[in-house]
Amino acid sequence: MTDTPLSILEARLEAQRRLLARLVAALEPGARQPVMDWLDQHDTLRDGQEDPGAVPTDDMGAALAVSEEFRLIARLVGDRLHEVEQGEG
């Protein structure tokens, strides 16, 4: 298997992130809110520490990346909803 350059993987991830955000934003508010609540509950690493990530361990890198990804998706959903509201006005 050929190694894929990191820049290509990052671009693919960004495309998927944007698509997910548009799909969530397109949901009816009653269906969207539980998804947004779920993203909100999972956008912070909860490991029992007062300051999560203050003492990094080797296995925390992936968990922190997942948390950051959820945060980015939620932000993109908010941005998309704002765009839609601006377009209606």
PDB file of N, CA and C in Angstrom:
ATOM      1  N   MET A   1       0.838  -1.173   0.000  1.00  0.00           N
ATOM      2  CA  MET A   1       0.000   0.000   0.000  1.00  0.00           C
ATOM      3  C   MET A   1       0.891   1.247   0.000  1.00  0.00           C
ATOM      4  N   THR A   2       0.507   2.231  -0.753  1.00  0.00           N
ATOM      5  CA  THR A   2       1.277   3.462  -0.867  1.00  0.00           C
ATOM      6  C   THR A   2       0.968   4.377   0.307  1.00  0.00           C
ATOM      7  N   ASP A   3       1.997   5.021   0.812  1.00  0.00           N
ATOM      8  CA  ASP A   3       1.792   5.997   1.881  1.00  0.00           C
ATOM      9  C   ASP A   3       1.129   7.243   1.306  1.00  0.00           C
ATOM     10  N   THR A   4       0.074   7.696   1.967  1.00  0.00           N
ATOM     11  CA  THR A   4      -0.626   8.906   1.554  1.00  0.00           C
ATOM     12  C   THR A   4       0.000  10.086   2.275  1.00  0.00           C
ATOM     13  N   PRO A   5       0.336  11.142   1.534  1.00  0.00           N
ATOM     14  CA  PRO A   5       0.931  12.314   2.189  1.00  0.00           C
ATOM     15  C   PRO A   5      -0.019  12.884   3.258  1.00  0.00           C
ATOM     16  N   LEU A   6       0.565  13.373   4.309  1.00  0.00           N
ATOM     17  CA  LEU A   6      -0.204  13.934   5.414  1.00  0.00           C
ATOM     18  C   LEU A   6      -1.137  15.048   4.939  1.00  0.00           C
ATOM     19  N   SER A   7      -0.697  15.869   4.011  1.00  0.00           N
ATOM     20  CA  SER A   7      -1.541  16.966   3.535  1.00  0.00           C
ATOM     21  C   SER A   7      -2.808  16.444   2.861  1.00  0.00           C
ATOM     22  N   ILE A   8      -2.716  15.317   2.180  1.00  0.00           N
ATOM     23  CA  ILE A   8      -3.895  14.721   1.539  1.00  0.00           C
ATOM     24  C   ILE A   8      -4.847  14.197   2.604  1.00  0.00           C
ATOM     25  N   LEU A   9      -4.329  13.540   3.619  1.00  0.00           N
ATOM     26  CA  LEU A   9      -5.171  13.034   4.707  1.00  0.00           C
ATOM     27  C   LEU A   9      -5.860  14.177   5.439  1.00  0.00           C
ATOM     28  N   GLU A  10      -5.136  15.273   5.677  1.00  0.00           N
ATOM     29  CA  GLU A  10      -5.724  16.433   6.340  1.00  0.00           C
ATOM     30  C   GLU A  10      -6.837  17.046   5.492  1.00  0.00           C
ATOM     31  N   ALA A  11      -6.635  17.118   4.191  1.00  0.00           N
ATOM     32  CA  ALA A  11      -7.656  17.671   3.302  1.00  0.00           C
ATOM     33  C   ALA A  11      -8.902  16.786   3.296  1.00  0.00           C
ATOM     34  N   ARG A  12      -8.706  15.485   3.290  1.00  0.00           N
ATOM     35  CA  ARG A  12      -9.844  14.566   3.333  1.00  0.00           C
ATOM     36  C   ARG A  12     -10.608  14.698   4.644  1.00  0.00           C
ATOM     37  N   LEU A  13      -9.882  14.810   5.742  1.00  0.00           N
ATOM     38  CA  LEU A  13     -10.520  14.984   7.041  1.00  0.00           C
ATOM     39  C   LEU A  13     -11.326  16.273   7.072  1.00  0.00           C
ATOM     40  N   GLU A  14     -10.774  17.339   6.540  1.00  0.00           N
ATOM     41  CA  GLU A  14     -11.482  18.625   6.499  1.00  0.00           C
ATOM     42  C   GLU A  14     -12.759  18.513   5.672  1.00  0.00           C
ATOM     43  N   ALA A  15     -12.697  17.810   4.553  1.00  0.00           N
ATOM     44  CA  ALA A  15     -13.888  17.620   3.714  1.00  0.00           C
ATOM     45  C   ALA A  15     -14.965  16.849   4.476  1.00  0.00           C
ATOM     46  N   GLN A  16     -14.572  15.810   5.175  1.00  0.00           N
ATOM     47  CA  GLN A  16     -15.535  15.027   5.944  1.00  0.00           C
ATOM     48  C   GLN A  16     -16.122  15.844   7.084  1.00  0.00           C
ATOM     49  N   ARG A  17     -15.285  16.635   7.742  1.00  0.00           N
ATOM     50  CA  ARG A  17     -15.733  17.489   8.834  1.00  0.00           C
ATOM     51  C   ARG A  17     -16.787  18.485   8.328  1.00  0.00           C
ATOM     52  N   ARG A  18     -16.520  19.107   7.188  1.00  0.00           N
ATOM     53  CA  ARG A  18     -17.459  20.080   6.634  1.00  0.00           C
ATOM     54  C   ARG A  18     -18.771  19.425   6.214  1.00  0.00           C
ATOM     55  N   LEU A  19     -18.681  18.235   5.626  1.00  0.00           N
ATOM     56  CA  LEU A  19     -19.892  17.518   5.231  1.00  0.00           C
ATOM     57  C   LEU A  19     -20.730  17.158   6.456  1.00  0.00           C
ATOM     58  N   LEU A  20     -20.089  16.642   7.502  1.00  0.00           N
ATOM     59  CA  LEU A  20     -20.817  16.309   8.731  1.00  0.00           C
ATOM     60  C   LEU A  20     -21.500  17.537   9.313  1.00  0.00           C
ATOM     61  N   ALA A  21     -20.806  18.647   9.326  1.00  0.00           N
ATOM     62  CA  ALA A  21     -21.384  19.875   9.877  1.00  0.00           C
ATOM     63  C   ALA A  21     -22.598  20.309   9.066  1.00  0.00           C
ATOM     64  N   ARG A  22     -22.518  20.221   7.748  1.00  0.00           N
ATOM     65  CA  ARG A  22     -23.665  20.597   6.914  1.00  0.00           C
ATOM     66  C   ARG A  22     -24.845  19.662   7.141  1.00  0.00           C
ATOM     67  N   LEU A  23     -24.566  18.385   7.290  1.00  0.00           N
ATOM     68  CA  LEU A  23     -25.647  17.425   7.538  1.00  0.00           C
ATOM     69  C   LEU A  23     -26.334  17.699   8.866  1.00  0.00           C
ATOM     70  N   VAL A  24     -25.554  17.952   9.898  1.00  0.00           N
ATOM     71  CA  VAL A  24     -26.135  18.254  11.205  1.00  0.00           C
ATOM     72  C   VAL A  24     -26.917  19.558  11.137  1.00  0.00           C
ATOM     73  N   ALA A  25     -26.368  20.571  10.491  1.00  0.00           N
ATOM     74  CA  ALA A  25     -27.049  21.864  10.385  1.00  0.00           C
ATOM     75  C   ALA A  25     -28.349  21.748   9.595  1.00  0.00           C
ATOM     76  N   ALA A  26     -28.416  20.804   8.660  1.00  0.00           N
ATOM     77  CA  ALA A  26     -29.609  20.640   7.831  1.00  0.00           C
ATOM     78  C   ALA A  26     -30.742  19.919   8.559  1.00  0.00           C
ATOM     79  N   LEU A  27     -30.452  19.319   9.692  1.00  0.00           N
ATOM     80  CA  LEU A  27     -31.489  18.620  10.449  1.00  0.00           C
ATOM     81  C   LEU A  27     -32.513  19.611  10.994  1.00  0.00           C
ATOM     82  N   GLU A  28     -33.731  19.135  11.174  1.00  0.00           N
ATOM     83  CA  GLU A  28     -34.742  19.935  11.855  1.00  0.00           C
ATOM     84  C   GLU A  28     -34.247  20.207  13.279  1.00  0.00           C
ATOM     85  N   PRO A  29     -34.593  21.359  13.862  1.00  0.00           N
ATOM     86  CA  PRO A  29     -34.085  21.695  15.200  1.00  0.00           C
ATOM     87  C   PRO A  29     -34.294  20.592  16.243  1.00  0.00           C
ATOM     88  N   GLY A  30     -35.419  19.917  16.206  1.00  0.00           N
ATOM     89  CA  GLY A  30     -35.674  18.863  17.189  1.00  0.00           C
ATOM     90  C   GLY A  30     -34.753  17.674  17.050  1.00  0.00           C
ATOM     91  N   ALA A  31     -34.292  17.412  15.832  1.00  0.00           N
ATOM     92  CA  ALA A  31     -33.348  16.325  15.596  1.00  0.00           C
ATOM     93  C   ALA A  31     -31.907  16.804  15.756  1.00  0.00           C
ATOM     94  N   ARG A  32     -31.663  18.076  15.482  1.00  0.00           N
ATOM     95  CA  ARG A  32     -30.312  18.634  15.568  1.00  0.00           C
ATOM     96  C   ARG A  32     -29.848  18.768  17.015  1.00  0.00           C
ATOM     97  N   GLN A  33     -30.741  19.205  17.896  1.00  0.00           N
ATOM     98  CA  GLN A  33     -30.326  19.514  19.265  1.00  0.00           C
ATOM     99  C   GLN A  33     -29.711  18.330  20.004  1.00  0.00           C
ATOM    100  N   PRO A  34     -30.282  17.125  19.899  1.00  0.00           N
ATOM    101  CA  PRO A  34     -29.619  16.001  20.579  1.00  0.00           C
ATOM    102  C   PRO A  34     -28.206  15.734  20.053  1.00  0.00           C
ATOM    103  N   VAL A  35     -27.996  15.944  18.763  1.00  0.00           N
ATOM    104  CA  VAL A  35     -26.655  15.757  18.203  1.00  0.00           C
ATOM    105  C   VAL A  35     -25.707  16.814  18.753  1.00  0.00           C
ATOM    106  N   MET A  36     -26.176  18.065  18.795  1.00  0.00           N
ATOM    107  CA  MET A  36     -25.342  19.139  19.331  1.00  0.00           C
ATOM    108  C   MET A  36     -25.045  18.922  20.815  1.00  0.00           C
ATOM    109  N   ASP A  37     -26.053  18.446  21.549  1.00  0.00           N
ATOM    110  CA  ASP A  37     -25.836  18.142  22.967  1.00  0.00           C
ATOM    111  C   ASP A  37     -24.782  17.054  23.127  1.00  0.00           C
ATOM    112  N   TRP A  38     -24.871  16.043  22.269  1.00  0.00           N
ATOM    113  CA  TRP A  38     -23.902  14.947  22.325  1.00  0.00           C
ATOM    114  C   TRP A  38     -22.502  15.463  22.026  1.00  0.00           C
ATOM    115  N   LEU A  39     -22.379  16.290  20.979  1.00  0.00           N
ATOM    116  CA  LEU A  39     -21.070  16.866  20.658  1.00  0.00           C
ATOM    117  C   LEU A  39     -20.536  17.683  21.827  1.00  0.00           C
ATOM    118  N   ASP A  40     -21.420  18.460  22.448  1.00  0.00           N
ATOM    119  CA  ASP A  40     -21.021  19.280  23.585  1.00  0.00           C
ATOM    120  C   ASP A  40     -20.526  18.427  24.753  1.00  0.00           C
ATOM    121  N   GLN A  41     -21.157  17.296  24.959  1.00  0.00           N
ATOM    122  CA  GLN A  41     -20.764  16.407  26.058  1.00  0.00           C
ATOM    123  C   GLN A  41     -19.445  15.698  25.786  1.00  0.00           C
ATOM    124  N   HIS A  42     -19.074  15.611  24.522  1.00  0.00           N
ATOM    125  CA  HIS A  42     -17.870  14.867  24.166  1.00  0.00           C
ATOM    126  C   HIS A  42     -16.736  15.738  23.640  1.00  0.00           C
ATOM    127  N   ASP A  43     -16.880  17.059  23.739  1.00  0.00           N
ATOM    128  CA  ASP A  43     -15.824  17.919  23.209  1.00  0.00           C
ATOM    129  C   ASP A  43     -14.738  18.227  24.236  1.00  0.00           C
ATOM    130  N   THR A  44     -14.880  17.690  25.428  1.00  0.00           N
ATOM    131  CA  THR A  44     -13.869  17.875  26.460  1.00  0.00           C
ATOM    132  C   THR A  44     -13.489  16.517  27.025  1.00  0.00           C
ATOM    133  N   LEU A  45     -12.211  16.269  27.092  1.00  0.00           N
ATOM    134  CA  LEU A  45     -11.725  15.010  27.648  1.00  0.00           C
ATOM    135  C   LEU A  45     -12.050  14.980  29.132  1.00  0.00           C
ATOM    136  N   ARG A  46     -12.782  13.969  29.551  1.00  0.00           N
ATOM    137  CA  ARG A  46     -13.142  13.834  30.955  1.00  0.00           C
ATOM    138  C   ARG A  46     -12.393  12.626  31.527  1.00  0.00           C
ATOM    139  N   ASP A  47     -11.319  12.949  32.226  1.00  0.00           N
ATOM    140  CA  ASP A  47     -10.504  11.878  32.777  1.00  0.00           C
ATOM    141  C   ASP A  47     -10.385  11.963  34.297  1.00  0.00           C
ATOM    142  N   GLY A  48     -11.235  12.765  34.921  1.00  0.00           N
ATOM    143  CA  GLY A  48     -11.223  12.862  36.372  1.00  0.00           C
ATOM    144  C   GLY A  48     -10.249  13.888  36.909  1.00  0.00           C
ATOM    145  N   GLN A  49      -9.449  14.493  36.062  1.00  0.00           N
ATOM    146  CA  GLN A  49      -8.511  15.509  36.516  1.00  0.00           C
ATOM    147  C   GLN A  49      -9.198  16.865  36.553  1.00  0.00           C
ATOM    148  N   GLU A  50      -8.721  17.728  37.421  1.00  0.00           N
ATOM    149  CA  GLU A  50      -9.254  19.087  37.457  1.00  0.00           C
ATOM    150  C   GLU A  50      -8.935  19.815  36.163  1.00  0.00           C
ATOM    151  N   ASP A  51      -7.766  19.584  35.613  1.00  0.00           N
ATOM    152  CA  ASP A  51      -7.345  20.215  34.370  1.00  0.00           C
ATOM    153  C   ASP A  51      -6.970  19.110  33.388  1.00  0.00           C
ATOM    154  N   PRO A  52      -7.965  18.615  32.618  1.00  0.00           N
ATOM    155  CA  PRO A  52      -7.664  17.525  31.687  1.00  0.00           C
ATOM    156  C   PRO A  52      -6.525  17.881  30.749  1.00  0.00           C
ATOM    157  N   GLY A  53      -5.627  16.956  30.600  1.00  0.00           N
ATOM    158  CA  GLY A  53      -4.491  17.171  29.717  1.00  0.00           C
ATOM    159  C   GLY A  53      -3.329  17.890  30.373  1.00  0.00           C
ATOM    160  N   ALA A  54      -3.477  18.268  31.637  1.00  0.00           N
ATOM    161  CA  ALA A  54      -2.403  18.990  32.319  1.00  0.00           C
ATOM    162  C   ALA A  54      -1.160  18.124  32.446  1.00  0.00           C
ATOM    163  N   VAL A  55      -1.364  16.832  32.644  1.00  0.00           N
ATOM    164  CA  VAL A  55      -0.258  15.886  32.718  1.00  0.00           C
ATOM    165  C   VAL A  55      -0.456  14.881  31.590  1.00  0.00           C
ATOM    166  N   PRO A  56       0.048  15.199  30.407  1.00  0.00           N
ATOM    167  CA  PRO A  56      -0.199  14.325  29.266  1.00  0.00           C
ATOM    168  C   PRO A  56       0.447  12.954  29.420  1.00  0.00           C
ATOM    169  N   THR A  57      -0.248  11.976  28.926  1.00  0.00           N
ATOM    170  CA  THR A  57       0.290  10.626  28.874  1.00  0.00           C
ATOM    171  C   THR A  57       0.282  10.194  27.419  1.00  0.00           C
ATOM    172  N   ASP A  58       0.992   9.128  27.127  1.00  0.00           N
ATOM    173  CA  ASP A  58       1.105   8.680  25.742  1.00  0.00           C
ATOM    174  C   ASP A  58      -0.237   8.355  25.115  1.00  0.00           C
ATOM    175  N   ASP A  59      -1.167   7.788  25.892  1.00  0.00           N
ATOM    176  CA  ASP A  59      -2.443   7.363  25.321  1.00  0.00           C
ATOM    177  C   ASP A  59      -3.476   8.485  25.251  1.00  0.00           C
ATOM    178  N   MET A  60      -3.152   9.672  25.729  1.00  0.00           N
ATOM    179  CA  MET A  60      -4.111  10.778  25.706  1.00  0.00           C
ATOM    180  C   MET A  60      -4.159  11.493  24.366  1.00  0.00           C
ATOM    181  N   GLY A  61      -3.155  11.341  23.546  1.00  0.00           N
ATOM    182  CA  GLY A  61      -3.102  12.056  22.277  1.00  0.00           C
ATOM    183  C   GLY A  61      -4.319  11.799  21.408  1.00  0.00           C
ATOM    184  N   ALA A  62      -4.684  10.546  21.256  1.00  0.00           N
ATOM    185  CA  ALA A  62      -5.845  10.207  20.424  1.00  0.00           C
ATOM    186  C   ALA A  62      -7.131  10.738  21.047  1.00  0.00           C
ATOM    187  N   ALA A  63      -7.275  10.607  22.346  1.00  0.00           N
ATOM    188  CA  ALA A  63      -8.485  11.086  23.021  1.00  0.00           C
ATOM    189  C   ALA A  63      -8.618  12.602  22.900  1.00  0.00           C
ATOM    190  N   LEU A  64      -7.512  13.309  23.025  1.00  0.00           N
ATOM    191  CA  LEU A  64      -7.543  14.762  22.859  1.00  0.00           C
ATOM    192  C   LEU A  64      -7.891  15.140  21.424  1.00  0.00           C
ATOM    193  N   ALA A  65      -7.402  14.375  20.464  1.00  0.00           N
ATOM    194  CA  ALA A  65      -7.715  14.645  19.057  1.00  0.00           C
ATOM    195  C   ALA A  65      -9.202  14.437  18.788  1.00  0.00           C
ATOM    196  N   VAL A  66      -9.790  13.409  19.369  1.00  0.00           N
ATOM    197  CA  VAL A  66     -11.226  13.164  19.203  1.00  0.00           C
ATOM    198  C   VAL A  66     -12.021  14.318  19.798  1.00  0.00           C
ATOM    199  N   SER A  67     -11.660  14.745  20.990  1.00  0.00           N
ATOM    200  CA  SER A  67     -12.342  15.871  21.633  1.00  0.00           C
ATOM    201  C   SER A  67     -12.265  17.120  20.772  1.00  0.00           C
ATOM    202  N   GLU A  68     -11.084  17.394  20.248  1.00  0.00           N
ATOM    203  CA  GLU A  68     -10.899  18.566  19.400  1.00  0.00           C
ATOM    204  C   GLU A  68     -11.725  18.453  18.123  1.00  0.00           C
ATOM    205  N   GLU A  69     -11.811  17.261  17.566  1.00  0.00           N
ATOM    206  CA  GLU A  69     -12.600  17.072  16.345  1.00  0.00           C
ATOM    207  C   GLU A  69     -14.075  17.358  16.593  1.00  0.00           C
ATOM    208  N   PHE A  70     -14.614  16.877  17.706  1.00  0.00           N
ATOM    209  CA  PHE A  70     -16.008  17.155  18.050  1.00  0.00           C
ATOM    210  C   PHE A  70     -16.228  18.658  18.226  1.00  0.00           C
ATOM    211  N   ARG A  71     -15.275  19.328  18.835  1.00  0.00           N
ATOM    212  CA  ARG A  71     -15.379  20.776  19.044  1.00  0.00           C
ATOM    213  C   ARG A  71     -15.389  21.503  17.698  1.00  0.00           C
ATOM    214  N   LEU A  72     -14.527  21.076  16.785  1.00  0.00           N
ATOM    215  CA  LEU A  72     -14.469  21.704  15.465  1.00  0.00           C
ATOM    216  C   LEU A  72     -15.756  21.477  14.681  1.00  0.00           C
ATOM    217  N   ILE A  73     -16.311  20.282  14.759  1.00  0.00           N
ATOM    218  CA  ILE A  73     -17.559  19.989  14.052  1.00  0.00           C
ATOM    219  C   ILE A  73     -18.681  20.856  14.611  1.00  0.00           C
ATOM    220  N   ALA A  74     -18.777  20.947  15.924  1.00  0.00           N
ATOM    221  CA  ALA A  74     -19.828  21.768  16.542  1.00  0.00           C
ATOM    222  C   ALA A  74     -19.680  23.226  16.119  1.00  0.00           C
ATOM    223  N   ARG A  75     -18.461  23.717  16.064  1.00  0.00           N
ATOM    224  CA  ARG A  75     -18.237  25.102  15.650  1.00  0.00           C
ATOM    225  C   ARG A  75     -18.665  25.304  14.193  1.00  0.00           C
ATOM    226  N   LEU A  76     -18.348  24.350  13.333  1.00  0.00           N
ATOM    227  CA  LEU A  76     -18.754  24.453  11.928  1.00  0.00           C
ATOM    228  C   LEU A  76     -20.273  24.409  11.774  1.00  0.00           C
ATOM    229  N   VAL A  77     -20.942  23.603  12.603  1.00  0.00           N
ATOM    230  CA  VAL A  77     -22.407  23.573  12.573  1.00  0.00           C
ATOM    231  C   VAL A  77     -22.943  24.958  12.930  1.00  0.00           C
ATOM    232  N   GLY A  78     -22.409  25.544  13.983  1.00  0.00           N
ATOM    233  CA  GLY A  78     -22.833  26.885  14.389  1.00  0.00           C
ATOM    234  C   GLY A  78     -22.588  27.902  13.290  1.00  0.00           C
ATOM    235  N   ASP A  79     -21.436  27.807  12.642  1.00  0.00           N
ATOM    236  CA  ASP A  79     -21.127  28.727  11.540  1.00  0.00           C
ATOM    237  C   ASP A  79     -22.122  28.547  10.401  1.00  0.00           C
ATOM    238  N   ARG A  80     -22.434  27.308  10.069  1.00  0.00           N
ATOM    239  CA  ARG A  80     -23.370  27.029   8.979  1.00  0.00           C
ATOM    240  C   ARG A  80     -24.759  27.559   9.322  1.00  0.00           C
ATOM    241  N   LEU A  81     -25.206  27.354  10.545  1.00  0.00           N
ATOM    242  CA  LEU A  81     -26.520  27.851  10.950  1.00  0.00           C
ATOM    243  C   LEU A  81     -26.558  29.375  10.878  1.00  0.00           C
ATOM    244  N   HIS A  82     -25.463  30.009  11.245  1.00  0.00           N
ATOM    245  CA  HIS A  82     -25.382  31.478  11.166  1.00  0.00           C
ATOM    246  C   HIS A  82     -25.468  31.930   9.699  1.00  0.00           C
ATOM    247  N   GLU A  83     -24.777  31.219   8.802  1.00  0.00           N
ATOM    248  CA  GLU A  83     -24.833  31.548   7.374  1.00  0.00           C
ATOM    249  C   GLU A  83     -26.274  31.457   6.865  1.00  0.00           C
ATOM    250  N   VAL A  84     -26.970  30.400   7.265  1.00  0.00           N
ATOM    251  CA  VAL A  84     -28.351  30.198   6.818  1.00  0.00           C
ATOM    252  C   VAL A  84     -29.228  31.319   7.339  1.00  0.00           C
ATOM    253  N   GLU A  85     -29.067  31.685   8.607  1.00  0.00           N
ATOM    254  CA  GLU A  85     -29.854  32.775   9.187  1.00  0.00           C
ATOM    255  C   GLU A  85     -29.585  34.095   8.462  1.00  0.00           C
ATOM    256  N   GLN A  86     -28.332  34.352   8.127  1.00  0.00           N
ATOM    257  CA  GLN A  86     -27.975  35.588   7.431  1.00  0.00           C
ATOM    258  C   GLN A  86     -28.579  35.616   6.025  1.00  0.00           C
ATOM    259  N   GLY A  87     -28.662  34.447   5.397  1.00  0.00           N
ATOM    260  CA  GLY A  87     -29.221  34.358   4.067  1.00  0.00           C
ATOM    261  C   GLY A  87     -30.728  34.577   4.041  1.00  0.00           C
ATOM    262  N   GLU A  88     -31.385  34.264   5.166  1.00  0.00           N
ATOM    263  CA  GLU A  88     -32.834  34.425   5.245  1.00  0.00           C
ATOM    264  C   GLU A  88     -33.220  35.860   5.515  1.00  0.00           C
ATOM    265  N   GLY A  89     -32.312  36.653   6.096  1.00  0.00           N
ATOM    266  CA  GLY A  89     -32.615  38.016   6.511  1.00  0.00           C
ATOM    267  C   GLY A  89     -32.500  39.046   5.480  1.00  0.00           C
TER     268      GLY A  89
END
